[in-house]
Amino acid sequence: MIEHSLNKKTNGKMFNIVTATWNPISGCLYNCNYCWARDLATTKLKNSHRYSKGFKPSLNETEFRSKFGKGELIFVSDMGDML
């Protein structure tokens, strides 16, 4: 059971109750002016392999080998749009 409160500090995370992220799909076709994920991918993460070609949708096969522990709360596709 996850014993976190929504009122606690987030320690740099968007949501304090999330223990991990899983991004089998990243990127997006839309160009929303409020998109924090696109901003992050095209600035701080622009030199990473995943975002070297921008924020175009892509399948990240390495994510399918991810392992998570019992009781973790996983944020799925926080860096992409699955539509």
PDB file of N, CA and C in Angstrom:
ATOM      1  N   MET A   1       0.838  -1.189   0.000  1.00  0.00           N
ATOM      2  CA  MET A   1       0.000   0.000   0.000  1.00  0.00           C
ATOM      3  C   MET A   1       0.882   1.251   0.000  1.00  0.00           C
ATOM      4  N   ILE A   2       0.554   2.201  -0.811  1.00  0.00           N
ATOM      5  CA  ILE A   2       1.321   3.438  -0.898  1.00  0.00           C
ATOM      6  C   ILE A   2       0.824   4.382   0.184  1.00  0.00           C
ATOM      7  N   GLU A   3       1.717   4.822   1.040  1.00  0.00           N
ATOM      8  CA  GLU A   3       1.335   5.670   2.154  1.00  0.00           C
ATOM      9  C   GLU A   3       1.847   7.087   1.951  1.00  0.00           C
ATOM     10  N   HIS A   4       1.399   7.722   0.915  1.00  0.00           N
ATOM     11  CA  HIS A   4       1.790   9.091   0.616  1.00  0.00           C
ATOM     12  C   HIS A   4       0.578  10.003   0.758  1.00  0.00           C
ATOM     13  N   SER A   5       0.833  11.242   1.013  1.00  0.00           N
ATOM     14  CA  SER A   5      -0.236  12.233   1.089  1.00  0.00           C
ATOM     15  C   SER A   5      -0.109  13.191  -0.078  1.00  0.00           C
ATOM     16  N   LEU A   6      -1.205  13.612  -0.625  1.00  0.00           N
ATOM     17  CA  LEU A   6      -1.173  14.576  -1.710  1.00  0.00           C
ATOM     18  C   LEU A   6      -0.686  15.938  -1.230  1.00  0.00           C
ATOM     19  N   ASN A   7      -0.624  16.153   0.064  1.00  0.00           N
ATOM     20  CA  ASN A   7      -0.201  17.431   0.605  1.00  0.00           C
ATOM     21  C   ASN A   7       1.301  17.505   0.883  1.00  0.00           C
ATOM     22  N   LYS A   8       2.032  16.405   0.765  1.00  0.00           N
ATOM     23  CA  LYS A   8       3.473  16.405   1.021  1.00  0.00           C
ATOM     24  C   LYS A   8       4.214  17.097  -0.107  1.00  0.00           C
ATOM     25  N   LYS A   9       5.448  17.512   0.167  1.00  0.00           N
ATOM     26  CA  LYS A   9       6.294  18.092  -0.883  1.00  0.00           C
ATOM     27  C   LYS A   9       6.530  17.058  -1.970  1.00  0.00           C
ATOM     28  N   THR A  10       6.684  17.514  -3.197  1.00  0.00           N
ATOM     29  CA  THR A  10       6.848  16.594  -4.316  1.00  0.00           C
ATOM     30  C   THR A  10       8.303  16.253  -4.623  1.00  0.00           C
ATOM     31  N   ASN A  11       9.253  16.904  -4.003  1.00  0.00           N
ATOM     32  CA  ASN A  11      10.678  16.619  -4.227  1.00  0.00           C
ATOM     33  C   ASN A  11      11.050  16.613  -5.702  1.00  0.00           C
ATOM     34  N   GLY A  12      10.543  17.582  -6.462  1.00  0.00           N
ATOM     35  CA  GLY A  12      10.892  17.696  -7.866  1.00  0.00           C
ATOM     36  C   GLY A  12      10.042  16.855  -8.794  1.00  0.00           C
ATOM     37  N   LYS A  13       9.148  16.044  -8.261  1.00  0.00           N
ATOM     38  CA  LYS A  13       8.268  15.228  -9.097  1.00  0.00           C
ATOM     39  C   LYS A  13       6.961  15.965  -9.335  1.00  0.00           C
ATOM     40  N   MET A  14       6.318  15.632 -10.437  1.00  0.00           N
ATOM     41  CA  MET A  14       5.035  16.254 -10.727  1.00  0.00           C
ATOM     42  C   MET A  14       3.992  15.830  -9.694  1.00  0.00           C
ATOM     43  N   PHE A  15       3.966  14.555  -9.375  1.00  0.00           N
ATOM     44  CA  PHE A  15       3.028  14.017  -8.393  1.00  0.00           C
ATOM     45  C   PHE A  15       3.823  13.244  -7.357  1.00  0.00           C
ATOM     46  N   ASN A  16       3.619  13.532  -6.089  1.00  0.00           N
ATOM     47  CA  ASN A  16       4.421  12.879  -5.065  1.00  0.00           C
ATOM     48  C   ASN A  16       4.070  11.411  -4.862  1.00  0.00           C
ATOM     49  N   ILE A  17       2.928  10.950  -5.340  1.00  0.00           N
ATOM     50  CA  ILE A  17       2.556   9.556  -5.140  1.00  0.00           C
ATOM     51  C   ILE A  17       3.095   8.635  -6.235  1.00  0.00           C
ATOM     52  N   VAL A  18       3.614   9.207  -7.322  1.00  0.00           N
ATOM     53  CA  VAL A  18       4.171   8.414  -8.422  1.00  0.00           C
ATOM     54  C   VAL A  18       5.576   7.959  -8.042  1.00  0.00           C
ATOM     55  N   THR A  19       5.835   6.656  -8.160  1.00  0.00           N
ATOM     56  CA  THR A  19       7.144   6.125  -7.799  1.00  0.00           C
ATOM     57  C   THR A  19       8.032   5.872  -9.014  1.00  0.00           C
ATOM     58  N   ALA A  20       7.443   5.788 -10.212  1.00  0.00           N
ATOM     59  CA  ALA A  20       8.225   5.546 -11.426  1.00  0.00           C
ATOM     60  C   ALA A  20       7.410   5.964 -12.642  1.00  0.00           C
ATOM     61  N   THR A  21       8.088   6.096 -13.765  1.00  0.00           N
ATOM     62  CA  THR A  21       7.390   6.368 -15.024  1.00  0.00           C
ATOM     63  C   THR A  21       7.707   5.256 -16.010  1.00  0.00           C
ATOM     64  N   TRP A  22       6.809   5.057 -16.950  1.00  0.00           N
ATOM     65  CA  TRP A  22       6.990   4.043 -17.987  1.00  0.00           C
ATOM     66  C   TRP A  22       6.510   4.665 -19.283  1.00  0.00           C
ATOM     67  N   ASN A  23       7.420   4.837 -20.236  1.00  0.00           N
ATOM     68  CA  ASN A  23       7.114   5.531 -21.490  1.00  0.00           C
ATOM     69  C   ASN A  23       7.354   4.635 -22.707  1.00  0.00           C
ATOM     70  N   PRO A  24       6.461   3.657 -22.941  1.00  0.00           N
ATOM     71  CA  PRO A  24       6.622   2.829 -24.132  1.00  0.00           C
ATOM     72  C   PRO A  24       6.420   3.641 -25.413  1.00  0.00           C
ATOM     73  N   ILE A  25       5.680   4.717 -25.297  1.00  0.00           N
ATOM     74  CA  ILE A  25       5.465   5.642 -26.403  1.00  0.00           C
ATOM     75  C   ILE A  25       5.849   7.031 -25.910  1.00  0.00           C
ATOM     76  N   SER A  26       6.644   7.728 -26.682  1.00  0.00           N
ATOM     77  CA  SER A  26       6.964   9.113 -26.329  1.00  0.00           C
ATOM     78  C   SER A  26       6.743   9.985 -27.556  1.00  0.00           C
ATOM     79  N   GLY A  27       6.549  11.265 -27.302  1.00  0.00           N
ATOM     80  CA  GLY A  27       6.310  12.199 -28.396  1.00  0.00           C
ATOM     81  C   GLY A  27       4.835  12.407 -28.649  1.00  0.00           C
ATOM     82  N   CYS A  28       4.554  13.347 -29.531  1.00  0.00           N
ATOM     83  CA  CYS A  28       3.172  13.724 -29.786  1.00  0.00           C
ATOM     84  C   CYS A  28       3.068  14.439 -31.142  1.00  0.00           C
ATOM     85  N   LEU A  29       1.923  14.271 -31.790  1.00  0.00           N
ATOM     86  CA  LEU A  29       1.672  14.931 -33.078  1.00  0.00           C
ATOM     87  C   LEU A  29       1.111  16.338 -32.925  1.00  0.00           C
ATOM     88  N   TYR A  30       0.564  16.637 -31.756  1.00  0.00           N
ATOM     89  CA  TYR A  30      -0.047  17.942 -31.529  1.00  0.00           C
ATOM     90  C   TYR A  30       1.031  18.932 -31.109  1.00  0.00           C
ATOM     91  N   ASN A  31       0.777  20.170 -31.262  1.00  0.00           N
ATOM     92  CA  ASN A  31       1.759  21.190 -30.909  1.00  0.00           C
ATOM     93  C   ASN A  31       1.130  22.162 -29.907  1.00  0.00           C
ATOM     94  N   CYS A  32       0.667  21.613 -28.784  1.00  0.00           N
ATOM     95  CA  CYS A  32       0.002  22.429 -27.770  1.00  0.00           C
ATOM     96  C   CYS A  32       1.001  23.406 -27.149  1.00  0.00           C
ATOM     97  N   ASN A  33       0.609  24.652 -27.021  1.00  0.00           N
ATOM     98  CA  ASN A  33       1.524  25.660 -26.490  1.00  0.00           C
ATOM     99  C   ASN A  33       1.753  25.518 -24.987  1.00  0.00           C
ATOM    100  N   TYR A  34       0.996  24.707 -24.295  1.00  0.00           N
ATOM    101  CA  TYR A  34       1.142  24.505 -22.852  1.00  0.00           C
ATOM    102  C   TYR A  34       1.824  23.176 -22.506  1.00  0.00           C
ATOM    103  N   CYS A  35       2.335  22.463 -23.480  1.00  0.00           N
ATOM    104  CA  CYS A  35       2.873  21.117 -23.263  1.00  0.00           C
ATOM    105  C   CYS A  35       4.230  21.140 -22.555  1.00  0.00           C
ATOM    106  N   TRP A  36       4.237  20.717 -21.301  1.00  0.00           N
ATOM    107  CA  TRP A  36       5.482  20.680 -20.536  1.00  0.00           C
ATOM    108  C   TRP A  36       6.402  19.573 -21.038  1.00  0.00           C
ATOM    109  N   ALA A  37       5.841  18.469 -21.544  1.00  0.00           N
ATOM    110  CA  ALA A  37       6.657  17.347 -22.022  1.00  0.00           C
ATOM    111  C   ALA A  37       7.444  17.749 -23.279  1.00  0.00           C
ATOM    112  N   ARG A  38       6.794  18.434 -24.210  1.00  0.00           N
ATOM    113  CA  ARG A  38       7.485  18.903 -25.414  1.00  0.00           C
ATOM    114  C   ARG A  38       8.595  19.883 -25.037  1.00  0.00           C
ATOM    115  N   ASP A  39       8.288  20.801 -24.130  1.00  0.00           N
ATOM    116  CA  ASP A  39       9.303  21.762 -23.684  1.00  0.00           C
ATOM    117  C   ASP A  39      10.514  21.047 -23.084  1.00  0.00           C
ATOM    118  N   LEU A  40      10.273  20.057 -22.245  1.00  0.00           N
ATOM    119  CA  LEU A  40      11.360  19.310 -21.620  1.00  0.00           C
ATOM    120  C   LEU A  40      12.166  18.539 -22.664  1.00  0.00           C
ATOM    121  N   ALA A  41      11.477  17.884 -23.590  1.00  0.00           N
ATOM    122  CA  ALA A  41      12.143  17.089 -24.623  1.00  0.00           C
ATOM    123  C   ALA A  41      12.976  17.942 -25.571  1.00  0.00           C
ATOM    124  N   THR A  42      12.529  19.166 -25.830  1.00  0.00           N
ATOM    125  CA  THR A  42      13.247  20.014 -26.794  1.00  0.00           C
ATOM    126  C   THR A  42      14.246  20.964 -26.130  1.00  0.00           C
ATOM    127  N   THR A  43      14.363  20.894 -24.815  1.00  0.00           N
ATOM    128  CA  THR A  43      15.366  21.719 -24.119  1.00  0.00           C
ATOM    129  C   THR A  43      16.324  20.813 -23.349  1.00  0.00           C
ATOM    130  N   LYS A  44      16.002  20.471 -22.125  1.00  0.00           N
ATOM    131  CA  LYS A  44      16.900  19.686 -21.273  1.00  0.00           C
ATOM    132  C   LYS A  44      17.226  18.306 -21.828  1.00  0.00           C
ATOM    133  N   LEU A  45      16.289  17.678 -22.520  1.00  0.00           N
ATOM    134  CA  LEU A  45      16.488  16.313 -23.008  1.00  0.00           C
ATOM    135  C   LEU A  45      16.832  16.234 -24.492  1.00  0.00           C
ATOM    136  N   LYS A  46      17.064  17.372 -25.139  1.00  0.00           N
ATOM    137  CA  LYS A  46      17.262  17.378 -26.593  1.00  0.00           C
ATOM    138  C   LYS A  46      18.485  16.594 -27.047  1.00  0.00           C
ATOM    139  N   ASN A  47      19.467  16.415 -26.188  1.00  0.00           N
ATOM    140  CA  ASN A  47      20.661  15.648 -26.558  1.00  0.00           C
ATOM    141  C   ASN A  47      20.563  14.165 -26.213  1.00  0.00           C
ATOM    142  N   SER A  48      19.450  13.765 -25.624  1.00  0.00           N
ATOM    143  CA  SER A  48      19.263  12.346 -25.319  1.00  0.00           C
ATOM    144  C   SER A  48      18.885  11.605 -26.599  1.00  0.00           C
ATOM    145  N   HIS A  49      19.172  10.327 -26.634  1.00  0.00           N
ATOM    146  CA  HIS A  49      18.871   9.517 -27.823  1.00  0.00           C
ATOM    147  C   HIS A  49      17.376   9.564 -28.160  1.00  0.00           C
ATOM    148  N   ARG A  50      16.552   9.487 -27.148  1.00  0.00           N
ATOM    149  CA  ARG A  50      15.106   9.424 -27.361  1.00  0.00           C
ATOM    150  C   ARG A  50      14.541  10.671 -28.030  1.00  0.00           C
ATOM    151  N   TYR A  51      15.098  11.842 -27.732  1.00  0.00           N
ATOM    152  CA  TYR A  51      14.551  13.090 -28.257  1.00  0.00           C
ATOM    153  C   TYR A  51      15.500  13.818 -29.198  1.00  0.00           C
ATOM    154  N   SER A  52      16.481  13.122 -29.725  1.00  0.00           N
ATOM    155  CA  SER A  52      17.455  13.759 -30.625  1.00  0.00           C
ATOM    156  C   SER A  52      16.812  14.250 -31.922  1.00  0.00           C
ATOM    157  N   LYS A  53      15.662  13.688 -32.293  1.00  0.00           N
ATOM    158  CA  LYS A  53      14.952  14.109 -33.506  1.00  0.00           C
ATOM    159  C   LYS A  53      13.695  14.901 -33.155  1.00  0.00           C
ATOM    160  N   GLY A  54      13.681  15.469 -31.968  1.00  0.00           N
ATOM    161  CA  GLY A  54      12.532  16.254 -31.555  1.00  0.00           C
ATOM    162  C   GLY A  54      11.518  15.434 -30.785  1.00  0.00           C
ATOM    163  N   PHE A  55      10.285  15.854 -30.836  1.00  0.00           N
ATOM    164  CA  PHE A  55       9.223  15.246 -30.045  1.00  0.00           C
ATOM    165  C   PHE A  55       8.248  14.454 -30.916  1.00  0.00           C
ATOM    166  N   LYS A  56       8.776  13.844 -31.971  1.00  0.00           N
ATOM    167  CA  LYS A  56       7.942  13.020 -32.848  1.00  0.00           C
ATOM    168  C   LYS A  56       7.572  11.724 -32.131  1.00  0.00           C
ATOM    169  N   PRO A  57       6.344  11.234 -32.312  1.00  0.00           N
ATOM    170  CA  PRO A  57       5.940   9.993 -31.658  1.00  0.00           C
ATOM    171  C   PRO A  57       6.854   8.831 -32.046  1.00  0.00           C
ATOM    172  N   SER A  58       7.218   8.041 -31.042  1.00  0.00           N
ATOM    173  CA  SER A  58       8.054   6.875 -31.303  1.00  0.00           C
ATOM    174  C   SER A  58       7.787   5.790 -30.276  1.00  0.00           C
ATOM    175  N   LEU A  59       8.019   4.555 -30.677  1.00  0.00           N
ATOM    176  CA  LEU A  59       7.882   3.398 -29.808  1.00  0.00           C
ATOM    177  C   LEU A  59       9.240   3.156 -29.163  1.00  0.00           C
ATOM    178  N   ASN A  60       9.266   3.040 -27.854  1.00  0.00           N
ATOM    179  CA  ASN A  60      10.507   2.846 -27.116  1.00  0.00           C
ATOM    180  C   ASN A  60      10.562   1.403 -26.609  1.00  0.00           C
ATOM    181  N   GLU A  61      11.094   0.522 -27.437  1.00  0.00           N
ATOM    182  CA  GLU A  61      11.082  -0.904 -27.136  1.00  0.00           C
ATOM    183  C   GLU A  61      11.825  -1.268 -25.860  1.00  0.00           C
ATOM    184  N   THR A  62      12.830  -0.489 -25.487  1.00  0.00           N
ATOM    185  CA  THR A  62      13.566  -0.793 -24.251  1.00  0.00           C
ATOM    186  C   THR A  62      12.668  -0.699 -23.018  1.00  0.00           C
ATOM    187  N   GLU A  63      11.633   0.103 -23.096  1.00  0.00           N
ATOM    188  CA  GLU A  63      10.718   0.247 -21.962  1.00  0.00           C
ATOM    189  C   GLU A  63       9.986  -1.055 -21.635  1.00  0.00           C
ATOM    190  N   PHE A  64       9.839  -1.941 -22.621  1.00  0.00           N
ATOM    191  CA  PHE A  64       9.129  -3.197 -22.386  1.00  0.00           C
ATOM    192  C   PHE A  64       9.924  -4.162 -21.515  1.00  0.00           C
ATOM    193  N   ARG A  65      11.190  -3.858 -21.275  1.00  0.00           N
ATOM    194  CA  ARG A  65      12.014  -4.683 -20.400  1.00  0.00           C
ATOM    195  C   ARG A  65      12.069  -4.127 -18.975  1.00  0.00           C
ATOM    196  N   SER A  66      11.357  -3.049 -18.718  1.00  0.00           N
ATOM    197  CA  SER A  66      11.360  -2.425 -17.390  1.00  0.00           C
ATOM    198  C   SER A  66      10.725  -3.348 -16.357  1.00  0.00           C
ATOM    199  N   LYS A  67      11.266  -3.298 -15.163  1.00  0.00           N
ATOM    200  CA  LYS A  67      10.735  -4.066 -14.035  1.00  0.00           C
ATOM    201  C   LYS A  67      10.327  -3.072 -12.949  1.00  0.00           C
ATOM    202  N   PHE A  68       9.208  -3.346 -12.315  1.00  0.00           N
ATOM    203  CA  PHE A  68       8.721  -2.494 -11.244  1.00  0.00           C
ATOM    204  C   PHE A  68       8.413  -3.344 -10.037  1.00  0.00           C
ATOM    205  N   GLY A  69       8.545  -2.732  -8.881  1.00  0.00           N
ATOM    206  CA  GLY A  69       8.287  -3.449  -7.642  1.00  0.00           C
ATOM    207  C   GLY A  69       6.819  -3.443  -7.259  1.00  0.00           C
ATOM    208  N   LYS A  70       6.478  -4.379  -6.399  1.00  0.00           N
ATOM    209  CA  LYS A  70       5.112  -4.481  -5.901  1.00  0.00           C
ATOM    210  C   LYS A  70       4.744  -3.202  -5.150  1.00  0.00           C
ATOM    211  N   GLY A  71       3.581  -2.678  -5.421  1.00  0.00           N
ATOM    212  CA  GLY A  71       3.094  -1.503  -4.723  1.00  0.00           C
ATOM    213  C   GLY A  71       3.503  -0.175  -5.337  1.00  0.00           C
ATOM    214  N   GLU A  72       4.285  -0.216  -6.415  1.00  0.00           N
ATOM    215  CA  GLU A  72       4.680   1.042  -7.049  1.00  0.00           C
ATOM    216  C   GLU A  72       3.502   1.621  -7.822  1.00  0.00           C
ATOM    217  N   LEU A  73       3.456   2.939  -7.890  1.00  0.00           N
ATOM    218  CA  LEU A  73       2.447   3.630  -8.678  1.00  0.00           C
ATOM    219  C   LEU A  73       3.154   4.197  -9.901  1.00  0.00           C
ATOM    220  N   ILE A  74       2.845   3.658 -11.069  1.00  0.00           N
ATOM    221  CA  ILE A  74       3.553   3.962 -12.307  1.00  0.00           C
ATOM    222  C   ILE A  74       2.761   4.967 -13.137  1.00  0.00           C
ATOM    223  N   PHE A  75       3.417   6.034 -13.552  1.00  0.00           N
ATOM    224  CA  PHE A  75       2.832   7.032 -14.450  1.00  0.00           C
ATOM    225  C   PHE A  75       3.169   6.569 -15.871  1.00  0.00           C
ATOM    226  N   VAL A  76       2.160   6.167 -16.623  1.00  0.00           N
ATOM    227  CA  VAL A  76       2.349   5.603 -17.965  1.00  0.00           C
ATOM    228  C   VAL A  76       2.254   6.711 -19.015  1.00  0.00           C
ATOM    229  N   SER A  77       3.254   6.766 -19.878  1.00  0.00           N
ATOM    230  CA  SER A  77       3.320   7.705 -20.995  1.00  0.00           C
ATOM    231  C   SER A  77       3.181   9.157 -20.567  1.00  0.00           C
ATOM    232  N   ASP A  78       3.949   9.550 -19.568  1.00  0.00           N
ATOM    233  CA  ASP A  78       3.933  10.950 -19.163  1.00  0.00           C
ATOM    234  C   ASP A  78       4.641  11.839 -20.176  1.00  0.00           C
ATOM    235  N   MET A  79       5.409  11.243 -21.075  1.00  0.00           N
ATOM    236  CA  MET A  79       6.137  12.007 -22.094  1.00  0.00           C
ATOM    237  C   MET A  79       5.614  11.710 -23.497  1.00  0.00           C
ATOM    238  N   GLY A  80       4.338  11.354 -23.601  1.00  0.00           N
ATOM    239  CA  GLY A  80       3.798  11.066 -24.917  1.00  0.00           C
ATOM    240  C   GLY A  80       2.285  11.023 -24.947  1.00  0.00           C
ATOM    241  N   ASP A  81       1.754  10.987 -26.143  1.00  0.00           N
ATOM    242  CA  ASP A  81       0.324  10.919 -26.376  1.00  0.00           C
ATOM    243  C   ASP A  81       0.050   9.619 -27.112  1.00  0.00           C
ATOM    244  N   MET A  82      -0.803   8.812 -26.560  1.00  0.00           N
ATOM    245  CA  MET A  82      -1.074   7.492 -27.134  1.00  0.00           C
ATOM    246  C   MET A  82      -2.194   7.507 -28.176  1.00  0.00           C
ATOM    247  N   LEU A  83      -2.704   8.689 -28.515  1.00  0.00           N
ATOM    248  CA  LEU A  83      -3.759   8.767 -29.537  1.00  0.00           C
ATOM    249  C   LEU A  83      -3.190   8.835 -30.926  1.00  0.00           C
TER     250      LEU A  83
END
